[in-house]
Amino acid sequence: LASFRNFIGTIPDTWPTFLQNRQLRLAQQERNGVAAEKVAENIVEDFFTVALDWSISDINNQLQYADIVLTNNGIKRMVVEVKRPGSLRWDHLPSIEQALSQARRYADEQRVRTIAVSDGTLFYAADILSGGLQHRVRLSLDTPMCSRDAWWVSIDGIYRSPGILDPEHKSGVEQNGLVDTINGEQESTAREVLLHPVYKVPADCFAYVGDSSNTLTWKLPYRHANGEVDSAHLPGAIRSVVTNYRGAHTKIPESAIPDVLVRLGKAAAEISKLPTQTPSPSASYQQLYDALYQERRLDEVLGLA
């Protein structure tokens, strides 16, 4: 793509300026030992407008509770939830998961399909797709050189589906395991995350979520609040998709079914219920396995993709 080649040509010039600005903005943290969330917001805005190609006029602050909303030609492209510097860490996934949950609620309310979280160092973006989250990009904003994957949140990359940018460079889209890990290791609390009125678990515990702010659209509970597989509800969730569980089909868009099957399949694999893991699988798990095979998504579940 011409826009990607242009990005590769300009980012070596813009990135050092961004890093210099970032260091200056964090001076108060070095001086006082702490920095306010506003500092991280300024760094994120610099990332978009100095390092990347967004205009200052594309930045919208505190729009319907969202810290930052990026727009282009008046169209909302991404909701960014910002936390104070140093508050998000890759080795403490619950902090990222809680920030993602907030971002998703605001995005659902504003009908925005891409969300991101950042503390001025860590930056993670995902797309809301098929009732769940699909990895878009994972970046560190303090590296000497900018990752090529940053193009996926540029003004030309944001509306494209992530893929391989060039044959010799593996795009961050192949790190989709981060979303799976976040979804599987959450430690949400009722105080900060909306819970289902019946199951008392957050949206990420359901295999399909139409709108994270509307519990009526949450379908197929399959995990506990701590991220562990809910072995009591998982078989019913599977049957609701591959059969007509208790005489009623669960209303899920057909386009979302393959991704839902993958989520359920990964959960089944975690508790060793798939036909390749047990000599006598139940009918539900066999049907799930067959459906995944038909959709050509089995390798994703078995970790072969």
Protein backbone atom coordinates (compact mmCIF):
# COMPACT_ATOMS: atom_id res chain seq x y z
CA LEU A 1 0.00 0.00 0.00
CA ALA A 2 1.24 3.47 -0.89
CA SER A 3 0.07 4.87 2.45
CA PHE A 4 2.05 2.23 4.34
CA ARG A 5 5.18 2.94 2.29
CA ASN A 6 4.74 6.62 3.04
CA PHE A 7 4.44 5.80 6.74
CA ILE A 8 7.68 3.81 6.63
CA GLY A 9 9.36 6.78 5.00
CA THR A 10 8.19 9.43 7.47
CA ILE A 11 8.10 7.68 10.87
CA PRO A 12 11.94 7.73 11.29
CA ASP A 13 11.70 11.54 11.23
CA THR A 14 8.60 12.00 13.39
CA TRP A 15 9.32 9.39 16.07
CA PRO A 16 12.39 11.12 17.64
CA THR A 17 10.38 14.33 18.01
CA PHE A 18 7.60 12.41 19.71
CA LEU A 19 10.07 10.73 22.10
CA GLN A 20 11.59 14.09 22.99
CA ASN A 21 8.15 15.55 23.75
CA ARG A 22 7.27 12.47 25.77
CA GLN A 23 10.37 12.81 27.92
CA LEU A 24 9.59 16.46 28.60
CA ARG A 25 6.01 15.65 29.57
CA LEU A 26 7.21 12.99 32.01
CA ALA A 27 9.68 15.36 33.67
CA GLN A 28 7.15 16.11 36.39
CA GLN A 29 6.94 12.39 37.19
CA GLU A 30 10.71 12.27 37.69
CA ARG A 31 10.54 15.46 39.73
CA ASN A 32 7.54 14.61 41.92
CA GLY A 33 7.45 10.82 41.75
CA VAL A 34 3.99 10.80 40.20
CA ALA A 35 2.21 12.24 37.17
CA ALA A 36 -1.47 12.88 36.58
CA GLU A 37 -3.58 11.12 33.97
CA LYS A 38 -3.52 14.33 31.93
CA VAL A 39 0.19 13.76 31.26
CA ALA A 40 -0.56 10.40 29.67
CA GLU A 41 -3.37 11.99 27.64
CA ASN A 42 -0.93 14.56 26.30
CA ILE A 43 1.55 11.82 25.37
CA VAL A 44 -1.14 9.82 23.58
CA GLU A 45 -2.26 12.92 21.69
CA ASP A 46 1.36 13.54 20.66
CA PHE A 47 1.60 9.93 19.50
CA PHE A 48 -1.33 10.43 17.16
CA THR A 49 -0.54 13.95 15.95
CA VAL A 50 3.27 14.12 16.07
CA ALA A 51 4.43 10.56 15.44
CA LEU A 52 1.45 9.54 13.28
CA ASP A 53 -0.61 11.54 10.81
CA TRP A 54 -3.73 12.57 12.73
CA SER A 55 -4.56 16.25 12.97
CA ILE A 56 -5.02 18.06 16.27
CA SER A 57 -8.56 18.80 15.11
CA ASP A 58 -9.19 15.03 14.93
CA ILE A 59 -8.76 14.77 18.72
CA ASN A 60 -11.91 14.95 20.85
CA ASN A 61 -11.46 15.05 24.62
CA GLN A 62 -13.96 13.80 27.20
CA LEU A 63 -16.60 12.97 24.63
CA GLN A 64 -19.46 11.18 26.37
CA TYR A 65 -17.08 10.11 29.16
CA ALA A 66 -14.46 8.76 26.73
CA ASP A 67 -11.00 10.24 27.41
CA ILE A 68 -10.12 10.56 23.72
CA VAL A 69 -12.19 9.92 20.60
CA LEU A 70 -10.42 10.10 17.25
CA THR A 71 -12.49 11.33 14.32
CA ASN A 72 -11.79 11.68 10.64
CA ASN A 73 -14.15 13.61 8.37
CA GLY A 74 -16.52 13.74 11.32
CA ILE A 75 -16.63 9.93 11.64
CA LYS A 76 -15.62 8.47 15.00
CA ARG A 77 -12.81 5.98 14.42
CA MET A 78 -11.44 5.02 17.83
CA VAL A 79 -12.13 5.42 21.54
CA VAL A 80 -9.05 5.61 23.77
CA GLU A 81 -9.14 5.05 27.53
CA VAL A 82 -6.13 6.69 29.16
CA LYS A 83 -4.70 5.91 32.58
CA ARG A 84 -2.03 7.73 34.58
CA PRO A 85 1.59 6.99 33.62
CA GLY A 86 2.84 3.65 34.85
CA SER A 87 -0.57 2.26 35.80
CA LEU A 88 -0.84 -0.31 32.98
CA ARG A 89 1.57 -3.24 32.78
CA TRP A 90 1.81 -6.27 30.52
CA ASP A 91 2.61 -8.38 33.58
CA HIS A 92 -0.61 -7.27 35.31
CA LEU A 93 -3.35 -8.02 32.80
CA PRO A 94 -6.33 -7.16 35.05
CA SER A 95 -5.37 -3.48 34.85
CA ILE A 96 -5.47 -3.65 31.05
CA GLU A 97 -8.70 -5.65 31.05
CA GLN A 98 -10.48 -3.12 33.25
CA ALA A 99 -9.36 -0.27 31.01
CA LEU A 100 -10.53 -2.19 27.93
CA SER A 101 -13.90 -2.81 29.55
CA GLN A 102 -14.32 0.91 30.14
CA ALA A 103 -13.27 1.75 26.59
CA ARG A 104 -15.65 -0.81 25.17
CA ARG A 105 -18.62 0.55 27.11
CA TYR A 106 -17.97 4.05 25.80
CA ALA A 107 -17.39 2.72 22.28
CA ASP A 108 -20.63 0.72 22.31
CA GLU A 109 -22.55 3.80 23.43
CA GLN A 110 -21.05 5.83 20.58
CA ARG A 111 -21.10 3.01 18.01
CA VAL A 112 -17.34 3.03 17.54
CA ARG A 113 -15.74 -0.25 16.51
CA THR A 114 -12.10 0.25 17.57
CA ILE A 115 -10.85 0.83 21.11
CA ALA A 116 -7.46 1.42 22.70
CA VAL A 117 -5.94 1.79 26.15
CA SER A 118 -2.72 3.53 27.12
CA ASP A 119 -0.80 5.01 30.03
CA GLY A 120 1.68 6.89 27.88
CA THR A 121 4.02 3.89 27.63
CA LEU A 122 1.87 0.83 27.00
CA PHE A 123 -0.53 1.10 24.06
CA TYR A 124 -2.97 -1.61 23.07
CA ALA A 125 -5.78 -1.45 20.49
CA ALA A 126 -8.47 -3.94 19.52
CA ASP A 127 -11.53 -4.09 17.30
CA ILE A 128 -15.00 -4.94 18.56
CA LEU A 129 -15.96 -7.81 16.28
CA SER A 130 -18.43 -10.69 16.37
CA GLY A 131 -19.39 -10.02 19.96
CA GLY A 132 -15.80 -9.96 21.23
CA LEU A 133 -12.45 -8.25 20.79
CA GLN A 134 -9.99 -8.84 17.96
CA HIS A 135 -6.39 -7.75 18.37
CA ARG A 136 -5.32 -4.73 16.32
CA VAL A 137 -1.95 -3.58 17.66
CA ARG A 138 0.30 -3.75 20.71
CA LEU A 139 2.94 -1.04 21.07
CA SER A 140 5.43 0.44 23.51
CA LEU A 141 5.67 4.21 23.23
CA ASP A 142 9.15 4.45 24.75
CA THR A 143 11.14 2.42 22.22
CA PRO A 144 13.98 4.05 20.23
CA MET A 145 12.30 3.00 16.97
CA CYS A 146 8.60 2.92 16.20
CA SER A 147 7.05 -0.42 15.31
CA ARG A 148 5.63 -0.73 11.81
CA ASP A 149 2.45 -2.01 13.43
CA ALA A 150 1.67 1.56 14.50
CA TRP A 151 0.37 2.05 10.96
CA TRP A 152 -2.76 0.11 11.96
CA VAL A 153 -3.81 3.06 14.14
CA SER A 154 -2.76 5.72 11.63
CA ILE A 155 -5.34 7.73 9.74
CA ASP A 156 -4.98 5.42 6.71
CA GLY A 157 -4.70 2.17 8.63
CA ILE A 158 -7.44 2.56 11.24
CA TYR A 159 -10.31 1.57 8.96
CA ARG A 160 -8.54 -1.46 7.49
CA SER A 161 -8.60 -4.97 8.90
CA PRO A 162 -5.14 -5.84 10.27
CA GLY A 163 -3.07 -8.29 8.26
CA ILE A 164 0.47 -8.89 7.06
CA LEU A 165 2.08 -5.61 6.03
CA ASP A 166 4.98 -7.19 4.19
CA PRO A 167 6.25 -10.78 3.81
CA GLU A 168 9.27 -10.30 6.07
CA HIS A 169 7.46 -8.53 8.89
CA LYS A 170 4.97 -10.31 11.13
CA SER A 171 2.20 -7.89 11.96
CA GLY A 172 0.95 -7.50 15.48
CA VAL A 173 -2.34 -9.04 14.36
CA GLU A 174 -0.65 -12.39 14.89
CA GLN A 175 -0.41 -11.62 18.61
CA ASN A 176 -4.13 -12.23 19.02
CA GLY A 177 -3.32 -14.39 22.01
CA LEU A 178 -3.14 -11.23 24.12
CA VAL A 179 -6.88 -10.73 23.74
CA ASP A 180 -7.45 -14.38 24.60
CA THR A 181 -5.24 -14.01 27.66
CA ILE A 182 -6.96 -10.84 28.79
CA ASN A 183 -10.35 -12.46 28.31
CA GLY A 184 -9.15 -15.49 30.25
CA GLU A 185 -7.37 -13.83 33.16
CA GLN A 186 -9.65 -10.99 34.13
CA GLU A 187 -10.26 -9.99 37.74
CA SER A 188 -13.17 -7.62 37.31
CA THR A 189 -15.10 -6.17 40.20
CA ALA A 190 -18.78 -5.31 40.39
CA ARG A 191 -17.83 -1.76 41.38
CA GLU A 192 -16.02 -1.06 38.11
CA VAL A 193 -17.52 -3.51 35.61
CA LEU A 194 -21.16 -4.04 34.67
CA LEU A 195 -22.37 -7.50 35.72
CA HIS A 196 -25.12 -9.62 34.22
CA PRO A 197 -28.18 -9.46 36.53
CA VAL A 198 -28.66 -13.25 36.46
CA TYR A 199 -25.20 -14.77 36.08
CA LYS A 200 -23.38 -12.04 38.07
CA VAL A 201 -20.39 -12.00 35.71
CA PRO A 202 -19.04 -9.31 33.31
CA ALA A 203 -19.47 -9.21 29.55
CA ASP A 204 -16.19 -10.98 28.80
CA CYS A 205 -17.58 -14.14 30.39
CA PHE A 206 -20.04 -14.51 27.51
CA ALA A 207 -19.12 -15.95 24.12
CA TYR A 208 -21.16 -13.28 22.33
CA VAL A 209 -21.73 -9.67 23.38
CA GLY A 210 -23.77 -7.44 21.11
CA ASP A 211 -23.44 -4.32 23.27
CA SER A 212 -21.30 -4.35 26.40
CA SER A 213 -23.54 -1.73 28.04
CA ASN A 214 -26.73 -3.76 27.47
CA THR A 215 -26.83 -7.08 29.32
CA LEU A 216 -29.80 -8.23 27.22
CA THR A 217 -27.38 -8.69 24.31
CA TRP A 218 -24.97 -10.91 26.26
CA LYS A 219 -25.34 -14.49 25.08
CA LEU A 220 -23.79 -17.85 25.97
CA PRO A 221 -22.15 -17.63 29.41
CA TYR A 222 -19.04 -19.82 29.41
CA ARG A 223 -16.55 -18.42 31.93
CA HIS A 224 -16.52 -17.49 35.59
CA ALA A 225 -15.67 -13.96 36.72
CA ASN A 226 -12.08 -15.03 37.46
CA GLY A 227 -11.64 -16.13 33.84
CA GLU A 228 -11.81 -19.86 34.48
CA VAL A 229 -14.01 -22.00 32.24
CA ASP A 230 -17.56 -22.44 33.53
CA SER A 231 -17.83 -26.17 32.91
CA ALA A 232 -21.47 -26.18 34.02
CA HIS A 233 -22.64 -23.64 31.43
CA LEU A 234 -20.18 -24.37 28.61
CA PRO A 235 -22.01 -27.45 27.24
CA GLY A 236 -25.28 -25.52 27.11
CA ALA A 237 -23.58 -22.62 25.36
CA ILE A 238 -22.18 -25.02 22.77
CA ARG A 239 -25.53 -26.71 22.21
CA SER A 240 -27.20 -23.32 21.80
CA VAL A 241 -25.02 -22.74 18.75
CA VAL A 242 -24.65 -26.19 17.18
CA THR A 243 -28.16 -27.49 18.00
CA ASN A 244 -31.39 -26.01 19.34
CA TYR A 245 -30.70 -26.19 23.07
CA ARG A 246 -33.95 -26.68 25.02
CA GLY A 247 -35.94 -26.08 21.86
CA ALA A 248 -34.75 -22.53 21.23
CA HIS A 249 -32.01 -21.14 19.02
CA THR A 250 -29.86 -18.38 20.47
CA LYS A 251 -30.18 -15.29 18.31
CA ILE A 252 -26.65 -14.49 17.19
CA PRO A 253 -25.74 -12.96 13.81
CA GLU A 254 -24.63 -15.69 11.44
CA SER A 255 -21.48 -13.73 10.62
CA ALA A 256 -20.45 -13.93 14.29
CA ILE A 257 -20.89 -17.69 14.65
CA PRO A 258 -17.37 -18.74 13.53
CA ASP A 259 -15.69 -16.48 16.09
CA VAL A 260 -18.12 -17.62 18.79
CA LEU A 261 -17.26 -21.24 17.98
CA VAL A 262 -13.56 -20.46 18.36
CA ARG A 263 -14.12 -18.90 21.80
CA LEU A 264 -16.13 -21.91 22.95
CA GLY A 265 -13.59 -24.26 21.40
CA LYS A 266 -10.69 -22.66 23.24
CA ALA A 267 -12.61 -22.96 26.49
CA ALA A 268 -13.32 -26.63 25.78
CA ALA A 269 -9.64 -27.20 25.03
CA GLU A 270 -8.67 -25.60 28.35
CA ILE A 271 -10.60 -28.28 30.23
CA SER A 272 -9.55 -31.09 27.84
CA LYS A 273 -12.99 -31.90 26.47
CA LEU A 274 -12.30 -31.99 22.72
CA PRO A 275 -12.21 -35.31 20.83
CA THR A 276 -8.43 -35.04 20.43
CA GLN A 277 -8.07 -34.74 24.20
CA THR A 278 -10.38 -37.43 25.53
CA PRO A 279 -11.29 -40.91 24.22
CA SER A 280 -15.00 -40.46 24.93
CA PRO A 281 -16.09 -36.88 24.19
CA SER A 282 -19.70 -35.94 24.79
CA ALA A 283 -21.96 -35.24 21.83
CA SER A 284 -21.79 -31.48 22.42
CA TYR A 285 -18.00 -31.33 22.23
CA GLN A 286 -17.94 -33.62 19.20
CA GLN A 287 -20.43 -31.37 17.41
CA LEU A 288 -18.38 -28.32 18.35
CA TYR A 289 -15.25 -29.99 16.99
CA ASP A 290 -17.01 -30.87 13.73
CA ALA A 291 -18.38 -27.33 13.36
CA LEU A 292 -14.92 -25.84 13.86
CA TYR A 293 -13.54 -28.23 11.27
CA GLN A 294 -16.23 -27.20 8.78
CA GLU A 295 -15.46 -23.53 9.39
CA ARG A 296 -11.72 -24.24 8.97
CA ARG A 297 -11.06 -22.68 12.38
CA LEU A 298 -9.94 -25.81 14.22
CA ASP A 299 -6.24 -24.94 14.03
CA GLU A 300 -6.89 -21.73 15.99
CA VAL A 301 -8.39 -23.73 18.83
CA LEU A 302 -5.68 -26.38 18.83
CA GLY A 303 -2.92 -23.78 18.73
CA LEU A 304 -1.72 -24.73 15.26
CA ALA A 305 -2.55 -21.46 13.49
